[in-house]
Amino acid sequence: MPQYGLPALDDSAFSSMALTFRVMRLAAVWRTRLERALRPHGMTVAVMRPLAYLMMMPEGTTQRDLALVMDTDCSALVRVLDLLEKEGLLSRTPDAQDRRAKCLSLTAAGREKCALFHQVAGEVELSMKEGLSAQDAQGLVARMDALLTTAHALPT
Protein backbone atom coordinates (compact mmCIF):
# COMPACT_ATOMS: atom_id res chain seq x y z
CA MET A 1 0.00 0.00 0.00
CA PRO A 2 1.46 3.43 -0.91
CA GLN A 3 2.20 5.41 2.21
CA TYR A 4 2.26 8.99 0.87
CA GLY A 5 4.90 10.16 3.29
CA LEU A 6 3.41 8.29 6.26
CA PRO A 7 5.29 5.75 8.33
CA ALA A 8 5.13 2.35 6.64
CA LEU A 9 2.17 0.26 7.72
CA ASP A 10 2.17 -3.48 7.25
CA ASP A 11 -1.49 -4.33 6.74
CA SER A 12 -0.81 -7.91 5.65
CA ALA A 13 -2.06 -9.14 9.02
CA PHE A 14 -5.41 -7.58 8.12
CA SER A 15 -5.84 -8.87 4.56
CA SER A 16 -9.39 -10.00 5.35
CA MET A 17 -10.29 -6.40 6.15
CA ALA A 18 -8.20 -4.53 3.57
CA LEU A 19 -11.18 -2.50 2.36
CA THR A 20 -12.35 -1.75 5.90
CA PHE A 21 -8.91 -0.47 6.86
CA ARG A 22 -8.70 1.78 3.80
CA VAL A 23 -12.22 3.16 4.19
CA MET A 24 -11.57 3.96 7.86
CA ARG A 25 -8.19 5.52 7.08
CA LEU A 26 -9.57 7.57 4.19
CA ALA A 27 -12.51 8.74 6.31
CA ALA A 28 -10.13 9.91 9.04
CA VAL A 29 -7.83 11.72 6.60
CA TRP A 30 -10.75 13.27 4.72
CA ARG A 31 -12.46 14.46 7.90
CA THR A 32 -9.22 15.98 9.22
CA ARG A 33 -8.70 17.90 5.98
CA LEU A 34 -12.31 19.07 6.00
CA GLU A 35 -12.12 20.15 9.66
CA ARG A 36 -8.99 22.19 8.90
CA ALA A 37 -10.64 23.84 5.89
CA LEU A 38 -13.79 24.65 7.88
CA ARG A 39 -12.01 26.06 10.94
CA PRO A 40 -11.31 29.55 9.45
CA HIS A 41 -15.05 29.87 8.79
CA GLY A 42 -15.99 28.96 12.36
CA MET A 43 -17.49 25.63 11.33
CA THR A 44 -16.96 22.00 12.27
CA VAL A 45 -18.12 18.80 10.58
CA ALA A 46 -20.12 17.79 13.66
CA VAL A 47 -22.14 20.99 13.60
CA MET A 48 -22.46 21.28 9.82
CA ARG A 49 -23.37 17.65 9.13
CA PRO A 50 -27.05 17.99 10.20
CA LEU A 51 -27.41 21.15 8.10
CA ALA A 52 -25.94 19.40 5.06
CA TYR A 53 -28.43 16.54 5.44
CA LEU A 54 -31.32 18.97 5.93
CA MET A 55 -30.41 20.64 2.63
CA MET A 56 -31.04 17.28 0.92
CA MET A 57 -34.24 16.40 2.80
CA PRO A 58 -37.80 17.71 2.42
CA GLU A 59 -38.74 20.88 4.28
CA GLY A 60 -40.19 20.04 7.69
CA THR A 61 -38.25 16.80 8.17
CA THR A 62 -38.61 15.53 11.72
CA GLN A 63 -35.71 15.19 14.15
CA ARG A 64 -36.33 11.43 14.19
CA ASP A 65 -36.09 11.15 10.38
CA LEU A 66 -32.92 13.24 10.35
CA ALA A 67 -31.35 10.99 13.00
CA LEU A 68 -32.30 7.89 10.98
CA VAL A 69 -30.78 9.26 7.76
CA MET A 70 -27.63 10.36 9.59
CA ASP A 71 -27.44 6.97 11.34
CA THR A 72 -27.02 8.66 14.69
CA ASP A 73 -28.64 8.63 18.12
CA CYS A 74 -31.56 11.03 18.38
CA SER A 75 -30.53 12.33 21.83
CA ALA A 76 -27.02 13.14 20.59
CA LEU A 77 -28.48 14.91 17.57
CA VAL A 78 -30.82 16.99 19.74
CA ARG A 79 -27.83 18.60 21.47
CA VAL A 80 -26.41 19.72 18.11
CA LEU A 81 -29.84 20.89 16.95
CA ASP A 82 -30.18 22.95 20.15
CA LEU A 83 -26.92 24.72 19.27
CA LEU A 84 -27.96 25.25 15.63
CA GLU A 85 -31.31 26.67 16.72
CA LYS A 86 -29.63 28.97 19.25
CA GLU A 87 -27.33 30.23 16.45
CA GLY A 88 -30.39 30.95 14.29
CA LEU A 89 -29.46 28.38 11.65
CA LEU A 90 -32.61 26.25 11.95
CA SER A 91 -36.03 26.36 13.51
CA ARG A 92 -38.09 23.61 15.13
CA THR A 93 -41.86 23.52 15.11
CA PRO A 94 -44.30 20.92 16.44
CA ASP A 95 -45.42 18.38 13.83
CA ALA A 96 -49.09 18.88 12.86
CA GLN A 97 -49.77 15.10 13.07
CA ASP A 98 -47.73 14.40 16.21
CA ARG A 99 -47.25 17.28 18.65
CA ARG A 100 -44.41 15.38 20.36
CA ALA A 101 -42.39 15.37 17.15
CA LYS A 102 -40.43 18.41 15.98
CA CYS A 103 -40.18 19.47 12.33
CA LEU A 104 -36.94 21.09 11.20
CA SER A 105 -36.49 24.00 8.81
CA LEU A 106 -33.33 25.77 7.80
CA THR A 107 -33.40 29.53 8.25
CA ALA A 108 -31.98 31.90 5.63
CA ALA A 109 -28.81 32.09 7.77
CA GLY A 110 -28.71 28.29 7.89
CA ARG A 111 -28.97 28.03 4.10
CA GLU A 112 -26.17 30.60 3.71
CA LYS A 113 -23.94 28.71 6.17
CA CYS A 114 -24.73 25.46 4.40
CA ALA A 115 -23.84 26.96 1.00
CA LEU A 116 -20.45 27.97 2.41
CA PHE A 117 -20.01 24.48 3.88
CA HIS A 118 -20.77 22.92 0.48
CA GLN A 119 -18.27 25.26 -1.19
CA VAL A 120 -15.49 24.41 1.29
CA ALA A 121 -16.30 20.68 1.23
CA GLY A 122 -16.31 20.77 -2.58
CA GLU A 123 -12.85 22.32 -2.60
CA VAL A 124 -11.57 19.63 -0.24
CA GLU A 125 -13.14 16.93 -2.40
CA LEU A 126 -11.58 18.39 -5.53
CA SER A 127 -8.13 18.33 -3.94
CA MET A 128 -8.64 14.78 -2.65
CA LYS A 129 -9.66 13.56 -6.13
CA GLU A 130 -6.67 15.22 -7.78
CA GLY A 131 -5.09 11.94 -8.94
CA LEU A 132 -8.33 10.48 -10.31
CA SER A 133 -9.80 10.91 -13.75
CA ALA A 134 -13.41 12.11 -13.90
CA GLN A 135 -14.41 8.61 -15.02
CA ASP A 136 -12.55 6.98 -12.10
CA ALA A 137 -14.16 9.42 -9.65
CA GLN A 138 -17.64 8.65 -11.01
CA GLY A 139 -16.90 4.92 -10.81
CA LEU A 140 -15.73 5.28 -7.23
CA VAL A 141 -18.94 7.10 -6.28
CA ALA A 142 -21.01 4.37 -7.96
CA ARG A 143 -19.12 1.63 -6.11
CA MET A 144 -19.48 3.45 -2.80
CA ASP A 145 -23.22 3.85 -3.47
CA ALA A 146 -23.42 0.08 -4.08
CA LEU A 147 -21.65 -0.59 -0.78
CA LEU A 148 -23.97 1.81 1.05
CA THR A 149 -27.02 0.14 -0.50
CA THR A 150 -25.77 -3.25 0.65
CA ALA A 151 -24.96 -1.92 4.12
CA HIS A 152 -28.44 -0.46 4.56
CA ALA A 153 -30.05 -3.72 3.42
CA LEU A 154 -28.21 -5.75 6.07
CA PRO A 155 -29.95 -6.48 9.37
CA THR A 156 -28.90 -4.13 12.16
C-alpha atoms as a PDB file:
ATOM      1  CA  MET A   1       0.000   0.000   0.000  1.00  0.00           C
ATOM      2  CA  PRO A   2       1.458   3.433  -0.906  1.00  0.00           C
ATOM      3  CA  GLN A   3       2.196   5.410   2.215  1.00  0.00           C
ATOM      4  CA  TYR A   4       2.255   8.992   0.866  1.00  0.00           C
ATOM      5  CA  GLY A   5       4.896  10.159   3.292  1.00  0.00           C
ATOM      6  CA  LEU A   6       3.407   8.295   6.257  1.00  0.00           C
ATOM      7  CA  PRO A   7       5.292   5.746   8.328  1.00  0.00           C
ATOM      8  CA  ALA A   8       5.126   2.354   6.643  1.00  0.00           C
ATOM      9  CA  LEU A   9       2.167   0.261   7.721  1.00  0.00           C
ATOM     10  CA  ASP A  10       2.168  -3.479   7.247  1.00  0.00           C
ATOM     11  CA  ASP A  11      -1.487  -4.327   6.742  1.00  0.00           C
ATOM     12  CA  SER A  12      -0.806  -7.912   5.647  1.00  0.00           C
ATOM     13  CA  ALA A  13      -2.057  -9.135   9.023  1.00  0.00           C
ATOM     14  CA  PHE A  14      -5.408  -7.580   8.124  1.00  0.00           C
ATOM     15  CA  SER A  15      -5.839  -8.868   4.563  1.00  0.00           C
ATOM     16  CA  SER A  16      -9.385  -9.999   5.345  1.00  0.00           C
ATOM     17  CA  MET A  17     -10.289  -6.402   6.146  1.00  0.00           C
ATOM     18  CA  ALA A  18      -8.195  -4.528   3.568  1.00  0.00           C
ATOM     19  CA  LEU A  19     -11.177  -2.501   2.360  1.00  0.00           C
ATOM     20  CA  THR A  20     -12.353  -1.748   5.904  1.00  0.00           C
ATOM     21  CA  PHE A  21      -8.913  -0.469   6.862  1.00  0.00           C
ATOM     22  CA  ARG A  22      -8.700   1.780   3.796  1.00  0.00           C
ATOM     23  CA  VAL A  23     -12.218   3.158   4.193  1.00  0.00           C
ATOM     24  CA  MET A  24     -11.574   3.956   7.855  1.00  0.00           C
ATOM     25  CA  ARG A  25      -8.193   5.518   7.082  1.00  0.00           C
ATOM     26  CA  LEU A  26      -9.568   7.573   4.194  1.00  0.00           C
ATOM     27  CA  ALA A  27     -12.509   8.737   6.305  1.00  0.00           C
ATOM     28  CA  ALA A  28     -10.129   9.910   9.039  1.00  0.00           C
ATOM     29  CA  VAL A  29      -7.833  11.717   6.602  1.00  0.00           C
ATOM     30  CA  TRP A  30     -10.752  13.268   4.716  1.00  0.00           C
ATOM     31  CA  ARG A  31     -12.456  14.462   7.901  1.00  0.00           C
ATOM     32  CA  THR A  32      -9.220  15.980   9.223  1.00  0.00           C
ATOM     33  CA  ARG A  33      -8.702  17.899   5.981  1.00  0.00           C
ATOM     34  CA  LEU A  34     -12.312  19.071   5.996  1.00  0.00           C
ATOM     35  CA  GLU A  35     -12.122  20.148   9.656  1.00  0.00           C
ATOM     36  CA  ARG A  36      -8.990  22.193   8.897  1.00  0.00           C
ATOM     37  CA  ALA A  37     -10.642  23.841   5.889  1.00  0.00           C
ATOM     38  CA  LEU A  38     -13.795  24.654   7.876  1.00  0.00           C
ATOM     39  CA  ARG A  39     -12.006  26.063  10.936  1.00  0.00           C
ATOM     40  CA  PRO A  40     -11.306  29.550   9.452  1.00  0.00           C
ATOM     41  CA  HIS A  41     -15.054  29.872   8.793  1.00  0.00           C
ATOM     42  CA  GLY A  42     -15.995  28.956  12.365  1.00  0.00           C
ATOM     43  CA  MET A  43     -17.495  25.632  11.331  1.00  0.00           C
ATOM     44  CA  THR A  44     -16.964  21.995  12.275  1.00  0.00           C
ATOM     45  CA  VAL A  45     -18.124  18.796  10.584  1.00  0.00           C
ATOM     46  CA  ALA A  46     -20.121  17.787  13.664  1.00  0.00           C
ATOM     47  CA  VAL A  47     -22.138  20.994  13.605  1.00  0.00           C
ATOM     48  CA  MET A  48     -22.464  21.277   9.825  1.00  0.00           C
ATOM     49  CA  ARG A  49     -23.372  17.655   9.132  1.00  0.00           C
ATOM     50  CA  PRO A  50     -27.049  17.989  10.195  1.00  0.00           C
ATOM     51  CA  LEU A  51     -27.406  21.152   8.104  1.00  0.00           C
ATOM     52  CA  ALA A  52     -25.943  19.403   5.064  1.00  0.00           C
ATOM     53  CA  TYR A  53     -28.426  16.541   5.443  1.00  0.00           C
ATOM     54  CA  LEU A  54     -31.316  18.973   5.927  1.00  0.00           C
ATOM     55  CA  MET A  55     -30.406  20.643   2.626  1.00  0.00           C
ATOM     56  CA  MET A  56     -31.040  17.284   0.919  1.00  0.00           C
ATOM     57  CA  MET A  57     -34.240  16.397   2.795  1.00  0.00           C
ATOM     58  CA  PRO A  58     -37.797  17.711   2.422  1.00  0.00           C
ATOM     59  CA  GLU A  59     -38.740  20.879   4.282  1.00  0.00           C
ATOM     60  CA  GLY A  60     -40.186  20.043   7.690  1.00  0.00           C
ATOM     61  CA  THR A  61     -38.250  16.801   8.167  1.00  0.00           C
ATOM     62  CA  THR A  62     -38.608  15.525  11.718  1.00  0.00           C
ATOM     63  CA  GLN A  63     -35.706  15.194  14.147  1.00  0.00           C
ATOM     64  CA  ARG A  64     -36.328  11.433  14.187  1.00  0.00           C
ATOM     65  CA  ASP A  65     -36.088  11.149  10.380  1.00  0.00           C
ATOM     66  CA  LEU A  66     -32.916  13.236  10.350  1.00  0.00           C
ATOM     67  CA  ALA A  67     -31.348  10.988  13.005  1.00  0.00           C
ATOM     68  CA  LEU A  68     -32.296   7.892  10.981  1.00  0.00           C
ATOM     69  CA  VAL A  69     -30.778   9.256   7.761  1.00  0.00           C
ATOM     70  CA  MET A  70     -27.629  10.360   9.594  1.00  0.00           C
ATOM     71  CA  ASP A  71     -27.443   6.970  11.344  1.00  0.00           C
ATOM     72  CA  THR A  72     -27.022   8.662  14.695  1.00  0.00           C
ATOM     73  CA  ASP A  73     -28.639   8.633  18.119  1.00  0.00           C
ATOM     74  CA  CYS A  74     -31.561  11.035  18.383  1.00  0.00           C
ATOM     75  CA  SER A  75     -30.529  12.328  21.833  1.00  0.00           C
ATOM     76  CA  ALA A  76     -27.016  13.139  20.591  1.00  0.00           C
ATOM     77  CA  LEU A  77     -28.475  14.912  17.568  1.00  0.00           C
ATOM     78  CA  VAL A  78     -30.816  16.987  19.737  1.00  0.00           C
ATOM     79  CA  ARG A  79     -27.829  18.602  21.475  1.00  0.00           C
ATOM     80  CA  VAL A  80     -26.410  19.723  18.114  1.00  0.00           C
ATOM     81  CA  LEU A  81     -29.836  20.893  16.953  1.00  0.00           C
ATOM     82  CA  ASP A  82     -30.179  22.951  20.149  1.00  0.00           C
ATOM     83  CA  LEU A  83     -26.922  24.715  19.265  1.00  0.00           C
ATOM     84  CA  LEU A  84     -27.956  25.254  15.627  1.00  0.00           C
ATOM     85  CA  GLU A  85     -31.307  26.671  16.717  1.00  0.00           C
ATOM     86  CA  LYS A  86     -29.626  28.972  19.254  1.00  0.00           C
ATOM     87  CA  GLU A  87     -27.333  30.226  16.451  1.00  0.00           C
ATOM     88  CA  GLY A  88     -30.392  30.945  14.294  1.00  0.00           C
ATOM     89  CA  LEU A  89     -29.463  28.378  11.646  1.00  0.00           C
ATOM     90  CA  LEU A  90     -32.613  26.252  11.953  1.00  0.00           C
ATOM     91  CA  SER A  91     -36.033  26.365  13.512  1.00  0.00           C
ATOM     92  CA  ARG A  92     -38.086  23.612  15.131  1.00  0.00           C
ATOM     93  CA  THR A  93     -41.858  23.518  15.114  1.00  0.00           C
ATOM     94  CA  PRO A  94     -44.305  20.922  16.443  1.00  0.00           C
ATOM     95  CA  ASP A  95     -45.419  18.375  13.834  1.00  0.00           C
ATOM     96  CA  ALA A  96     -49.086  18.876  12.862  1.00  0.00           C
ATOM     97  CA  GLN A  97     -49.768  15.103  13.071  1.00  0.00           C
ATOM     98  CA  ASP A  98     -47.731  14.398  16.207  1.00  0.00           C
ATOM     99  CA  ARG A  99     -47.247  17.283  18.651  1.00  0.00           C
ATOM    100  CA  ARG A 100     -44.409  15.381  20.365  1.00  0.00           C
ATOM    101  CA  ALA A 101     -42.385  15.371  17.148  1.00  0.00           C
ATOM    102  CA  LYS A 102     -40.433  18.410  15.976  1.00  0.00           C
ATOM    103  CA  CYS A 103     -40.179  19.471  12.329  1.00  0.00           C
ATOM    104  CA  LEU A 104     -36.945  21.092  11.204  1.00  0.00           C
ATOM    105  CA  SER A 105     -36.489  24.002   8.809  1.00  0.00           C
ATOM    106  CA  LEU A 106     -33.331  25.774   7.795  1.00  0.00           C
ATOM    107  CA  THR A 107     -33.404  29.533   8.249  1.00  0.00           C
ATOM    108  CA  ALA A 108     -31.978  31.898   5.632  1.00  0.00           C
ATOM    109  CA  ALA A 109     -28.810  32.092   7.765  1.00  0.00           C
ATOM    110  CA  GLY A 110     -28.710  28.289   7.889  1.00  0.00           C
ATOM    111  CA  ARG A 111     -28.969  28.030   4.102  1.00  0.00           C
ATOM    112  CA  GLU A 112     -26.167  30.595   3.709  1.00  0.00           C
ATOM    113  CA  LYS A 113     -23.940  28.715   6.167  1.00  0.00           C
ATOM    114  CA  CYS A 114     -24.732  25.460   4.398  1.00  0.00           C
ATOM    115  CA  ALA A 115     -23.842  26.964   1.005  1.00  0.00           C
ATOM    116  CA  LEU A 116     -20.450  27.972   2.414  1.00  0.00           C
ATOM    117  CA  PHE A 117     -20.015  24.480   3.882  1.00  0.00           C
ATOM    118  CA  HIS A 118     -20.769  22.919   0.482  1.00  0.00           C
ATOM    119  CA  GLN A 119     -18.268  25.259  -1.186  1.00  0.00           C
ATOM    120  CA  VAL A 120     -15.494  24.411   1.287  1.00  0.00           C
ATOM    121  CA  ALA A 121     -16.298  20.681   1.230  1.00  0.00           C
ATOM    122  CA  GLY A 122     -16.314  20.767  -2.583  1.00  0.00           C
ATOM    123  CA  GLU A 123     -12.855  22.323  -2.601  1.00  0.00           C
ATOM    124  CA  VAL A 124     -11.575  19.631  -0.236  1.00  0.00           C
ATOM    125  CA  GLU A 125     -13.142  16.934  -2.402  1.00  0.00           C
ATOM    126  CA  LEU A 126     -11.582  18.385  -5.532  1.00  0.00           C
ATOM    127  CA  SER A 127      -8.132  18.327  -3.935  1.00  0.00           C
ATOM    128  CA  MET A 128      -8.644  14.776  -2.651  1.00  0.00           C
ATOM    129  CA  LYS A 129      -9.658  13.564  -6.131  1.00  0.00           C
ATOM    130  CA  GLU A 130      -6.671  15.224  -7.783  1.00  0.00           C
ATOM    131  CA  GLY A 131      -5.087  11.942  -8.941  1.00  0.00           C
ATOM    132  CA  LEU A 132      -8.326  10.481 -10.306  1.00  0.00           C
ATOM    133  CA  SER A 133      -9.798  10.912 -13.755  1.00  0.00           C
ATOM    134  CA  ALA A 134     -13.408  12.109 -13.904  1.00  0.00           C
ATOM    135  CA  GLN A 135     -14.407   8.606 -15.018  1.00  0.00           C
ATOM    136  CA  ASP A 136     -12.551   6.980 -12.098  1.00  0.00           C
ATOM    137  CA  ALA A 137     -14.161   9.425  -9.646  1.00  0.00           C
ATOM    138  CA  GLN A 138     -17.638   8.648 -11.013  1.00  0.00           C
ATOM    139  CA  GLY A 139     -16.898   4.923 -10.813  1.00  0.00           C
ATOM    140  CA  LEU A 140     -15.732   5.284  -7.226  1.00  0.00           C
ATOM    141  CA  VAL A 141     -18.943   7.104  -6.276  1.00  0.00           C
ATOM    142  CA  ALA A 142     -21.011   4.375  -7.957  1.00  0.00           C
ATOM    143  CA  ARG A 143     -19.124   1.630  -6.106  1.00  0.00           C
ATOM    144  CA  MET A 144     -19.477   3.446  -2.801  1.00  0.00           C
ATOM    145  CA  ASP A 145     -23.219   3.846  -3.471  1.00  0.00           C
ATOM    146  CA  ALA A 146     -23.422   0.085  -4.080  1.00  0.00           C
ATOM    147  CA  LEU A 147     -21.651  -0.592  -0.777  1.00  0.00           C
ATOM    148  CA  LEU A 148     -23.973   1.815   1.052  1.00  0.00           C
ATOM    149  CA  THR A 149     -27.019   0.142  -0.505  1.00  0.00           C
ATOM    150  CA  THR A 150     -25.773  -3.246   0.649  1.00  0.00           C
ATOM    151  CA  ALA A 151     -24.959  -1.921   4.118  1.00  0.00           C
ATOM    152  CA  HIS A 152     -28.444  -0.464   4.560  1.00  0.00           C
ATOM    153  CA  ALA A 153     -30.048  -3.723   3.425  1.00  0.00           C
ATOM    154  CA  LEU A 154     -28.207  -5.747   6.066  1.00  0.00           C
ATOM    155  CA  PRO A 155     -29.948  -6.476   9.374  1.00  0.00           C
ATOM    156  CA  THR A 156     -28.898  -4.133  12.161  1.00  0.00           C
END
